[in-house]
């Protein structure tokens, strides 16, 4: 089975644990739902943040959604002058029979400007999305410091 990359990006409202986790959960939930991703088919995921986001590891959001057996890594993006601030990116390595052109990459909030060609999602019902997230949340996932 081929391994495909699924990309996504969003922005956090502030450099707080709560805002980083909220933004990351929303992005990851949309990536999963738009592509029909099953956690068991995810080989690994890389989470990046711009250097102005350091209050939390964004991968914790995946743990909160039950991704306990997926290899996750967090790193900072290059700090390129003039680049988008408070940005969180995800790269999923997904084992799927889908072709590369069937993959839906998700760019939301201010990050939609990074890839206007990939930002053509149907309108997001944020209330419904938060209900979906709440139904999948694992409250036992906590930060490890």
N, C-alpha and C. Protein backbone atom coordinates (compact mmCIF):
# COMPACT_ATOMS: atom_id res chain seq x y z
N UNK A 1 0.86 -1.17 0.00
CA UNK A 1 0.00 0.00 0.00
C UNK A 1 0.90 1.23 0.00
N UNK A 2 0.62 2.20 -0.87
CA UNK A 2 1.44 3.41 -0.89
C UNK A 2 1.26 4.26 0.37
N UNK A 3 2.28 5.00 0.70
CA UNK A 3 2.23 5.98 1.79
C UNK A 3 2.16 7.35 1.16
N UNK A 4 1.12 8.11 1.50
CA UNK A 4 0.92 9.44 0.94
C UNK A 4 1.09 10.50 2.02
N UNK A 5 1.50 11.67 1.62
CA UNK A 5 1.59 12.80 2.53
C UNK A 5 0.31 13.61 2.47
N UNK A 6 -0.21 13.94 3.63
CA UNK A 6 -1.38 14.82 3.72
C UNK A 6 -0.95 16.05 4.50
N UNK A 7 -1.07 17.22 3.88
CA UNK A 7 -0.61 18.46 4.50
C UNK A 7 -1.78 19.30 4.98
N UNK A 8 -1.47 20.11 5.99
CA UNK A 8 -2.45 21.06 6.46
C UNK A 8 -1.77 22.16 7.25
N UNK A 9 -2.45 23.29 7.35
CA UNK A 9 -1.92 24.41 8.13
C UNK A 9 -3.08 25.26 8.64
N UNK A 10 -2.83 25.88 9.78
CA UNK A 10 -3.79 26.77 10.41
C UNK A 10 -3.03 27.81 11.21
N UNK A 11 -3.76 28.67 11.87
CA UNK A 11 -3.14 29.64 12.78
C UNK A 11 -3.82 29.56 14.13
N UNK A 12 -3.04 29.85 15.16
CA UNK A 12 -3.55 29.90 16.53
C UNK A 12 -3.84 31.35 16.87
N UNK A 13 -4.86 31.56 17.69
CA UNK A 13 -5.23 32.91 18.10
C UNK A 13 -4.19 33.55 19.01
N UNK A 14 -3.50 32.71 19.81
CA UNK A 14 -2.53 33.23 20.78
C UNK A 14 -1.54 32.13 21.13
N UNK A 15 -0.43 32.52 21.74
CA UNK A 15 0.58 31.57 22.19
C UNK A 15 0.23 31.05 23.58
N UNK A 16 -0.86 30.29 23.64
CA UNK A 16 -1.23 29.63 24.89
C UNK A 16 -1.46 28.16 24.59
N UNK A 17 -1.32 27.33 25.61
CA UNK A 17 -1.56 25.90 25.44
C UNK A 17 -2.95 25.65 24.87
N UNK A 18 -3.94 26.32 25.43
CA UNK A 18 -5.32 26.11 25.00
C UNK A 18 -5.52 26.45 23.53
N UNK A 19 -4.99 27.58 23.09
CA UNK A 19 -5.19 28.01 21.69
C UNK A 19 -4.42 27.14 20.71
N UNK A 20 -3.22 26.73 21.08
CA UNK A 20 -2.43 25.85 20.20
C UNK A 20 -3.14 24.51 20.05
N UNK A 21 -3.61 23.95 21.16
CA UNK A 21 -4.30 22.66 21.09
C UNK A 21 -5.62 22.76 20.35
N UNK A 22 -6.38 23.82 20.58
CA UNK A 22 -7.66 24.00 19.89
C UNK A 22 -7.45 24.08 18.38
N UNK A 23 -6.51 24.91 17.95
CA UNK A 23 -6.25 25.08 16.52
C UNK A 23 -5.75 23.78 15.89
N UNK A 24 -4.89 23.06 16.61
CA UNK A 24 -4.35 21.81 16.07
C UNK A 24 -5.42 20.74 16.00
N UNK A 25 -6.26 20.63 17.03
CA UNK A 25 -7.35 19.65 16.98
C UNK A 25 -8.29 19.94 15.81
N UNK A 26 -8.63 21.20 15.59
CA UNK A 26 -9.51 21.56 14.48
C UNK A 26 -8.89 21.16 13.14
N UNK A 27 -7.63 21.49 12.96
CA UNK A 27 -6.95 21.17 11.71
C UNK A 27 -6.88 19.66 11.51
N UNK A 28 -6.45 18.94 12.52
CA UNK A 28 -6.32 17.49 12.40
C UNK A 28 -7.69 16.85 12.15
N UNK A 29 -8.71 17.30 12.84
CA UNK A 29 -10.06 16.76 12.63
C UNK A 29 -10.52 16.97 11.19
N UNK A 30 -10.27 18.15 10.64
CA UNK A 30 -10.65 18.41 9.25
C UNK A 30 -9.85 17.55 8.28
N UNK A 31 -8.56 17.37 8.53
CA UNK A 31 -7.75 16.52 7.67
C UNK A 31 -8.28 15.08 7.68
N UNK A 32 -8.61 14.58 8.86
CA UNK A 32 -9.13 13.22 9.01
C UNK A 32 -10.48 13.09 8.30
N UNK A 33 -11.36 14.03 8.54
CA UNK A 33 -12.71 13.94 7.97
C UNK A 33 -12.73 14.16 6.47
N UNK A 34 -11.94 15.07 5.96
CA UNK A 34 -11.93 15.33 4.51
C UNK A 34 -11.35 14.16 3.72
N UNK A 35 -10.49 13.37 4.36
CA UNK A 35 -9.82 12.28 3.65
C UNK A 35 -10.28 10.89 4.07
N UNK A 36 -11.10 10.78 5.11
CA UNK A 36 -11.51 9.47 5.59
C UNK A 36 -10.36 8.70 6.21
N UNK A 37 -9.52 9.39 6.94
CA UNK A 37 -8.32 8.78 7.53
C UNK A 37 -8.67 8.00 8.78
N UNK A 38 -8.17 6.78 8.85
CA UNK A 38 -8.28 5.94 10.04
C UNK A 38 -6.92 6.00 10.74
N UNK A 39 -6.93 6.27 12.02
CA UNK A 39 -5.68 6.41 12.78
C UNK A 39 -4.76 5.20 12.59
N UNK A 40 -5.32 4.00 12.44
CA UNK A 40 -4.50 2.79 12.27
C UNK A 40 -3.70 2.81 10.98
N UNK A 41 -4.08 3.64 10.02
CA UNK A 41 -3.38 3.73 8.75
C UNK A 41 -2.35 4.86 8.71
N UNK A 42 -2.22 5.61 9.81
CA UNK A 42 -1.27 6.72 9.86
C UNK A 42 0.08 6.17 10.36
N UNK A 43 1.11 6.31 9.54
CA UNK A 43 2.44 5.83 9.91
C UNK A 43 3.11 6.78 10.89
N UNK A 44 2.99 8.08 10.63
CA UNK A 44 3.60 9.08 11.51
C UNK A 44 3.06 10.46 11.14
N UNK A 45 3.37 11.42 12.01
CA UNK A 45 2.93 12.80 11.76
C UNK A 45 3.99 13.75 12.29
N UNK A 46 4.22 14.80 11.52
CA UNK A 46 5.14 15.86 11.93
C UNK A 46 4.30 17.12 12.12
N UNK A 47 4.46 17.74 13.27
CA UNK A 47 3.78 18.98 13.61
C UNK A 47 4.83 20.07 13.69
N UNK A 48 4.59 21.18 13.02
CA UNK A 48 5.51 22.30 13.12
C UNK A 48 4.77 23.54 13.59
N UNK A 49 5.51 24.41 14.25
CA UNK A 49 4.98 25.71 14.65
C UNK A 49 6.00 26.77 14.27
N UNK A 50 5.50 27.96 14.06
CA UNK A 50 6.42 29.07 13.91
C UNK A 50 7.03 29.34 15.29
N UNK A 51 8.15 30.02 15.33
CA UNK A 51 8.88 30.18 16.59
C UNK A 51 8.12 30.99 17.63
N UNK A 52 7.07 31.70 17.23
CA UNK A 52 6.29 32.48 18.20
C UNK A 52 5.25 31.62 18.92
N UNK A 53 5.17 30.34 18.59
CA UNK A 53 4.28 29.40 19.29
C UNK A 53 5.13 28.37 20.03
N UNK A 54 5.22 28.55 21.34
CA UNK A 54 6.04 27.62 22.13
C UNK A 54 5.39 27.26 23.47
N UNK A 55 4.11 27.53 23.62
CA UNK A 55 3.43 27.28 24.89
C UNK A 55 2.99 25.83 25.05
N UNK A 56 2.98 25.05 23.94
CA UNK A 56 2.54 23.66 24.02
C UNK A 56 3.05 22.88 22.81
N UNK A 57 3.17 21.58 22.98
CA UNK A 57 3.49 20.69 21.87
C UNK A 57 2.19 20.43 21.09
N UNK A 58 2.12 20.80 19.82
CA UNK A 58 0.86 20.58 19.09
C UNK A 58 0.51 19.10 18.92
N UNK A 59 1.48 18.22 18.99
CA UNK A 59 1.19 16.78 18.87
C UNK A 59 0.30 16.27 19.99
N UNK A 60 0.26 16.99 21.11
CA UNK A 60 -0.63 16.60 22.20
C UNK A 60 -2.08 16.57 21.71
N UNK A 61 -2.43 17.42 20.76
CA UNK A 61 -3.79 17.42 20.22
C UNK A 61 -4.12 16.07 19.59
N UNK A 62 -3.16 15.46 18.91
CA UNK A 62 -3.39 14.14 18.32
C UNK A 62 -3.56 13.09 19.41
N UNK A 63 -2.76 13.18 20.46
CA UNK A 63 -2.92 12.25 21.60
C UNK A 63 -4.30 12.42 22.23
N UNK A 64 -4.75 13.68 22.34
CA UNK A 64 -6.08 13.93 22.90
C UNK A 64 -7.19 13.31 22.04
N UNK A 65 -6.94 13.19 20.74
CA UNK A 65 -7.91 12.58 19.85
C UNK A 65 -7.73 11.07 19.75
N UNK A 66 -6.90 10.50 20.64
CA UNK A 66 -6.75 9.06 20.72
C UNK A 66 -5.62 8.46 19.91
N UNK A 67 -4.77 9.28 19.33
CA UNK A 67 -3.67 8.76 18.53
C UNK A 67 -2.51 8.37 19.44
N UNK A 68 -2.69 7.27 20.14
CA UNK A 68 -1.70 6.85 21.14
C UNK A 68 -0.59 5.99 20.55
N UNK A 69 -0.83 5.38 19.39
CA UNK A 69 0.16 4.48 18.80
C UNK A 69 0.78 5.03 17.52
N UNK A 70 0.56 6.29 17.23
CA UNK A 70 1.13 6.91 16.04
C UNK A 70 2.41 7.65 16.45
N UNK A 71 3.46 7.49 15.66
CA UNK A 71 4.71 8.21 15.91
C UNK A 71 4.49 9.69 15.56
N UNK A 72 4.73 10.57 16.54
CA UNK A 72 4.50 12.00 16.37
C UNK A 72 5.77 12.77 16.69
N UNK A 73 6.00 13.87 16.00
CA UNK A 73 7.16 14.71 16.26
C UNK A 73 6.79 16.17 16.08
N UNK A 74 7.33 17.02 16.95
CA UNK A 74 7.12 18.46 16.86
C UNK A 74 8.45 19.16 16.59
N UNK A 75 8.42 20.13 15.70
CA UNK A 75 9.60 20.94 15.39
C UNK A 75 9.14 22.36 15.07
N UNK A 76 10.10 23.29 15.07
CA UNK A 76 9.81 24.66 14.65
C UNK A 76 10.10 24.83 13.17
N UNK A 77 9.31 25.66 12.52
CA UNK A 77 9.55 26.05 11.13
C UNK A 77 10.74 27.01 11.07
N UNK A 78 11.31 27.16 9.90
CA UNK A 78 12.32 28.19 9.69
C UNK A 78 11.68 29.55 9.94
N UNK A 79 12.41 30.44 10.55
CA UNK A 79 11.89 31.78 10.84
C UNK A 79 12.25 32.72 9.68
N UNK A 80 11.50 32.59 8.60
CA UNK A 80 11.75 33.38 7.39
C UNK A 80 11.12 34.76 7.56
N UNK A 81 11.89 35.83 7.33
CA UNK A 81 11.32 37.17 7.47
C UNK A 81 10.07 37.34 6.61
N UNK A 82 9.03 37.91 7.20
CA UNK A 82 7.79 38.17 6.48
C UNK A 82 6.84 36.98 6.38
N UNK A 83 7.22 35.84 6.96
CA UNK A 83 6.34 34.67 6.87
C UNK A 83 5.19 34.77 7.86
N UNK A 84 4.18 33.94 7.64
CA UNK A 84 2.99 33.93 8.48
C UNK A 84 3.34 33.59 9.92
N UNK A 85 2.81 34.35 10.86
CA UNK A 85 3.06 34.14 12.29
C UNK A 85 1.97 33.24 12.88
N UNK A 86 2.24 32.69 14.05
CA UNK A 86 1.33 31.83 14.81
C UNK A 86 0.77 30.70 13.95
N UNK A 87 1.63 30.13 13.12
CA UNK A 87 1.20 29.10 12.17
C UNK A 87 1.57 27.70 12.68
N UNK A 88 0.62 26.80 12.55
CA UNK A 88 0.81 25.39 12.89
C UNK A 88 0.62 24.61 11.59
N UNK A 89 1.57 23.72 11.30
CA UNK A 89 1.47 22.87 10.12
C UNK A 89 1.51 21.41 10.55
N UNK A 90 0.84 20.57 9.77
CA UNK A 90 0.86 19.12 10.01
C UNK A 90 1.18 18.43 8.69
N UNK A 91 2.05 17.43 8.77
CA UNK A 91 2.30 16.52 7.65
C UNK A 91 2.04 15.11 8.16
N UNK A 92 0.97 14.49 7.64
CA UNK A 92 0.64 13.11 7.98
C UNK A 92 1.23 12.19 6.93
N UNK A 93 1.80 11.07 7.35
CA UNK A 93 2.24 10.01 6.45
C UNK A 93 1.19 8.90 6.57
N UNK A 94 0.38 8.77 5.51
CA UNK A 94 -0.83 7.96 5.56
C UNK A 94 -0.76 6.82 4.54
N UNK A 95 -0.92 5.61 5.02
CA UNK A 95 -0.97 4.43 4.16
C UNK A 95 -2.37 4.33 3.57
N UNK A 96 -2.47 4.53 2.27
CA UNK A 96 -3.78 4.59 1.61
C UNK A 96 -3.68 4.13 0.17
N UNK A 97 -4.79 3.64 -0.35
CA UNK A 97 -4.87 3.29 -1.76
C UNK A 97 -5.25 4.50 -2.62
N UNK A 98 -5.58 5.62 -1.98
CA UNK A 98 -5.93 6.82 -2.74
C UNK A 98 -4.72 7.31 -3.53
N UNK A 99 -4.99 7.86 -4.69
CA UNK A 99 -3.92 8.46 -5.48
C UNK A 99 -3.59 9.83 -4.91
N UNK A 100 -2.44 10.35 -5.29
CA UNK A 100 -2.00 11.65 -4.78
C UNK A 100 -3.00 12.76 -5.11
N UNK A 101 -3.62 12.68 -6.29
CA UNK A 101 -4.56 13.75 -6.66
C UNK A 101 -5.92 13.63 -5.96
N UNK A 102 -6.14 12.53 -5.23
CA UNK A 102 -7.38 12.38 -4.45
C UNK A 102 -7.23 12.90 -3.03
N UNK A 103 -6.01 13.20 -2.61
CA UNK A 103 -5.75 13.67 -1.26
C UNK A 103 -6.25 15.10 -1.12
N UNK A 104 -6.93 15.38 0.00
CA UNK A 104 -7.40 16.73 0.29
C UNK A 104 -6.47 17.33 1.34
N UNK A 105 -5.71 18.34 0.93
CA UNK A 105 -4.84 19.07 1.84
C UNK A 105 -5.67 20.22 2.43
N UNK A 106 -5.49 20.51 3.70
CA UNK A 106 -6.38 21.42 4.41
C UNK A 106 -5.61 22.65 4.90
N UNK A 107 -5.99 23.80 4.40
CA UNK A 107 -5.41 25.08 4.82
C UNK A 107 -6.55 25.96 5.28
N UNK A 108 -6.55 26.33 6.55
CA UNK A 108 -7.67 27.09 7.12
C UNK A 108 -7.19 28.33 7.86
N UNK A 109 -8.14 29.15 8.22
CA UNK A 109 -7.91 30.42 8.91
C UNK A 109 -6.90 31.24 8.10
N UNK A 110 -5.96 31.93 8.76
CA UNK A 110 -5.01 32.77 8.02
C UNK A 110 -4.08 31.95 7.13
N UNK A 111 -3.92 30.66 7.43
CA UNK A 111 -3.04 29.80 6.64
C UNK A 111 -3.62 29.49 5.26
N UNK A 112 -4.91 29.77 5.06
CA UNK A 112 -5.49 29.56 3.74
C UNK A 112 -4.76 30.39 2.69
N UNK A 113 -4.14 31.50 3.09
CA UNK A 113 -3.39 32.35 2.17
C UNK A 113 -2.08 31.72 1.72
N UNK A 114 -1.61 30.69 2.45
CA UNK A 114 -0.37 30.02 2.07
C UNK A 114 -0.54 29.23 0.79
N UNK A 115 -1.70 28.62 0.63
CA UNK A 115 -1.97 27.78 -0.53
C UNK A 115 -3.39 28.03 -1.03
N UNK A 116 -3.62 29.15 -1.68
CA UNK A 116 -4.97 29.44 -2.16
C UNK A 116 -5.49 28.34 -3.10
N UNK A 117 -4.59 27.66 -3.78
CA UNK A 117 -4.98 26.57 -4.68
C UNK A 117 -5.47 25.35 -3.92
N UNK A 118 -5.16 25.26 -2.62
CA UNK A 118 -5.56 24.12 -1.79
C UNK A 118 -6.58 24.51 -0.72
N UNK A 119 -7.10 25.71 -0.78
CA UNK A 119 -7.96 26.22 0.28
C UNK A 119 -9.43 26.25 -0.14
N UNK A 120 -9.83 25.34 -0.97
CA UNK A 120 -11.19 25.34 -1.51
C UNK A 120 -12.10 24.36 -0.77
N UNK A 121 -11.98 24.30 0.54
CA UNK A 121 -12.86 23.43 1.32
C UNK A 121 -14.26 23.98 1.33
N UNK A 122 -15.25 23.10 1.50
CA UNK A 122 -16.59 23.63 1.72
C UNK A 122 -16.61 24.42 3.02
N UNK A 123 -17.56 25.30 3.20
CA UNK A 123 -17.60 26.08 4.44
C UNK A 123 -17.59 25.15 5.66
N UNK A 124 -16.82 25.53 6.67
CA UNK A 124 -16.68 24.72 7.88
C UNK A 124 -17.73 25.15 8.89
N UNK A 125 -18.49 24.20 9.39
CA UNK A 125 -19.42 24.44 10.49
C UNK A 125 -18.61 24.22 11.76
N UNK A 126 -18.07 25.29 12.32
CA UNK A 126 -17.14 25.19 13.45
C UNK A 126 -17.81 24.59 14.68
N UNK A 127 -19.09 24.88 14.89
CA UNK A 127 -19.82 24.30 16.02
C UNK A 127 -19.94 22.79 15.89
N UNK A 128 -20.28 22.33 14.69
CA UNK A 128 -20.39 20.89 14.44
C UNK A 128 -19.02 20.23 14.57
N UNK A 129 -17.98 20.90 14.08
CA UNK A 129 -16.63 20.35 14.18
C UNK A 129 -16.22 20.20 15.64
N UNK A 130 -16.51 21.20 16.47
CA UNK A 130 -16.17 21.12 17.89
C UNK A 130 -16.95 19.99 18.58
N UNK A 131 -18.18 19.72 18.15
CA UNK A 131 -18.94 18.59 18.71
C UNK A 131 -18.28 17.27 18.33
N UNK A 132 -17.80 17.16 17.08
CA UNK A 132 -17.10 15.95 16.65
C UNK A 132 -15.83 15.75 17.47
N UNK A 133 -15.08 16.84 17.66
CA UNK A 133 -13.85 16.76 18.46
C UNK A 133 -14.19 16.33 19.89
N UNK A 134 -15.20 16.92 20.49
CA UNK A 134 -15.59 16.58 21.86
C UNK A 134 -15.95 15.11 21.99
N UNK A 135 -16.57 14.56 20.95
CA UNK A 135 -16.95 13.14 20.98
C UNK A 135 -15.74 12.22 20.86
N UNK A 136 -14.62 12.73 20.36
CA UNK A 136 -13.42 11.91 20.15
C UNK A 136 -12.30 12.21 21.15
N UNK A 137 -12.51 13.15 22.04
CA UNK A 137 -11.44 13.60 22.94
C UNK A 137 -11.16 12.57 24.03
N UNK A 138 -9.90 12.40 24.34
CA UNK A 138 -9.45 11.52 25.43
C UNK A 138 -8.90 12.44 26.52
N UNK A 139 -9.68 12.64 27.56
CA UNK A 139 -9.28 13.56 28.62
C UNK A 139 -8.07 13.10 29.41
N UNK A 140 -7.65 11.85 29.22
CA UNK A 140 -6.48 11.38 29.98
C UNK A 140 -5.16 11.83 29.34
N UNK A 141 -5.22 12.32 28.10
CA UNK A 141 -4.00 12.81 27.45
C UNK A 141 -3.62 14.16 28.03
N UNK A 142 -2.50 14.20 28.67
CA UNK A 142 -2.03 15.42 29.36
C UNK A 142 -0.61 15.75 28.91
N UNK A 143 -0.22 16.99 29.04
CA UNK A 143 1.16 17.37 28.71
C UNK A 143 2.16 16.63 29.60
N UNK A 144 3.25 16.24 29.00
CA UNK A 144 4.36 15.64 29.76
C UNK A 144 5.48 16.65 29.76
N UNK A 145 5.87 17.06 30.93
CA UNK A 145 6.93 18.07 31.03
C UNK A 145 8.07 17.54 31.86
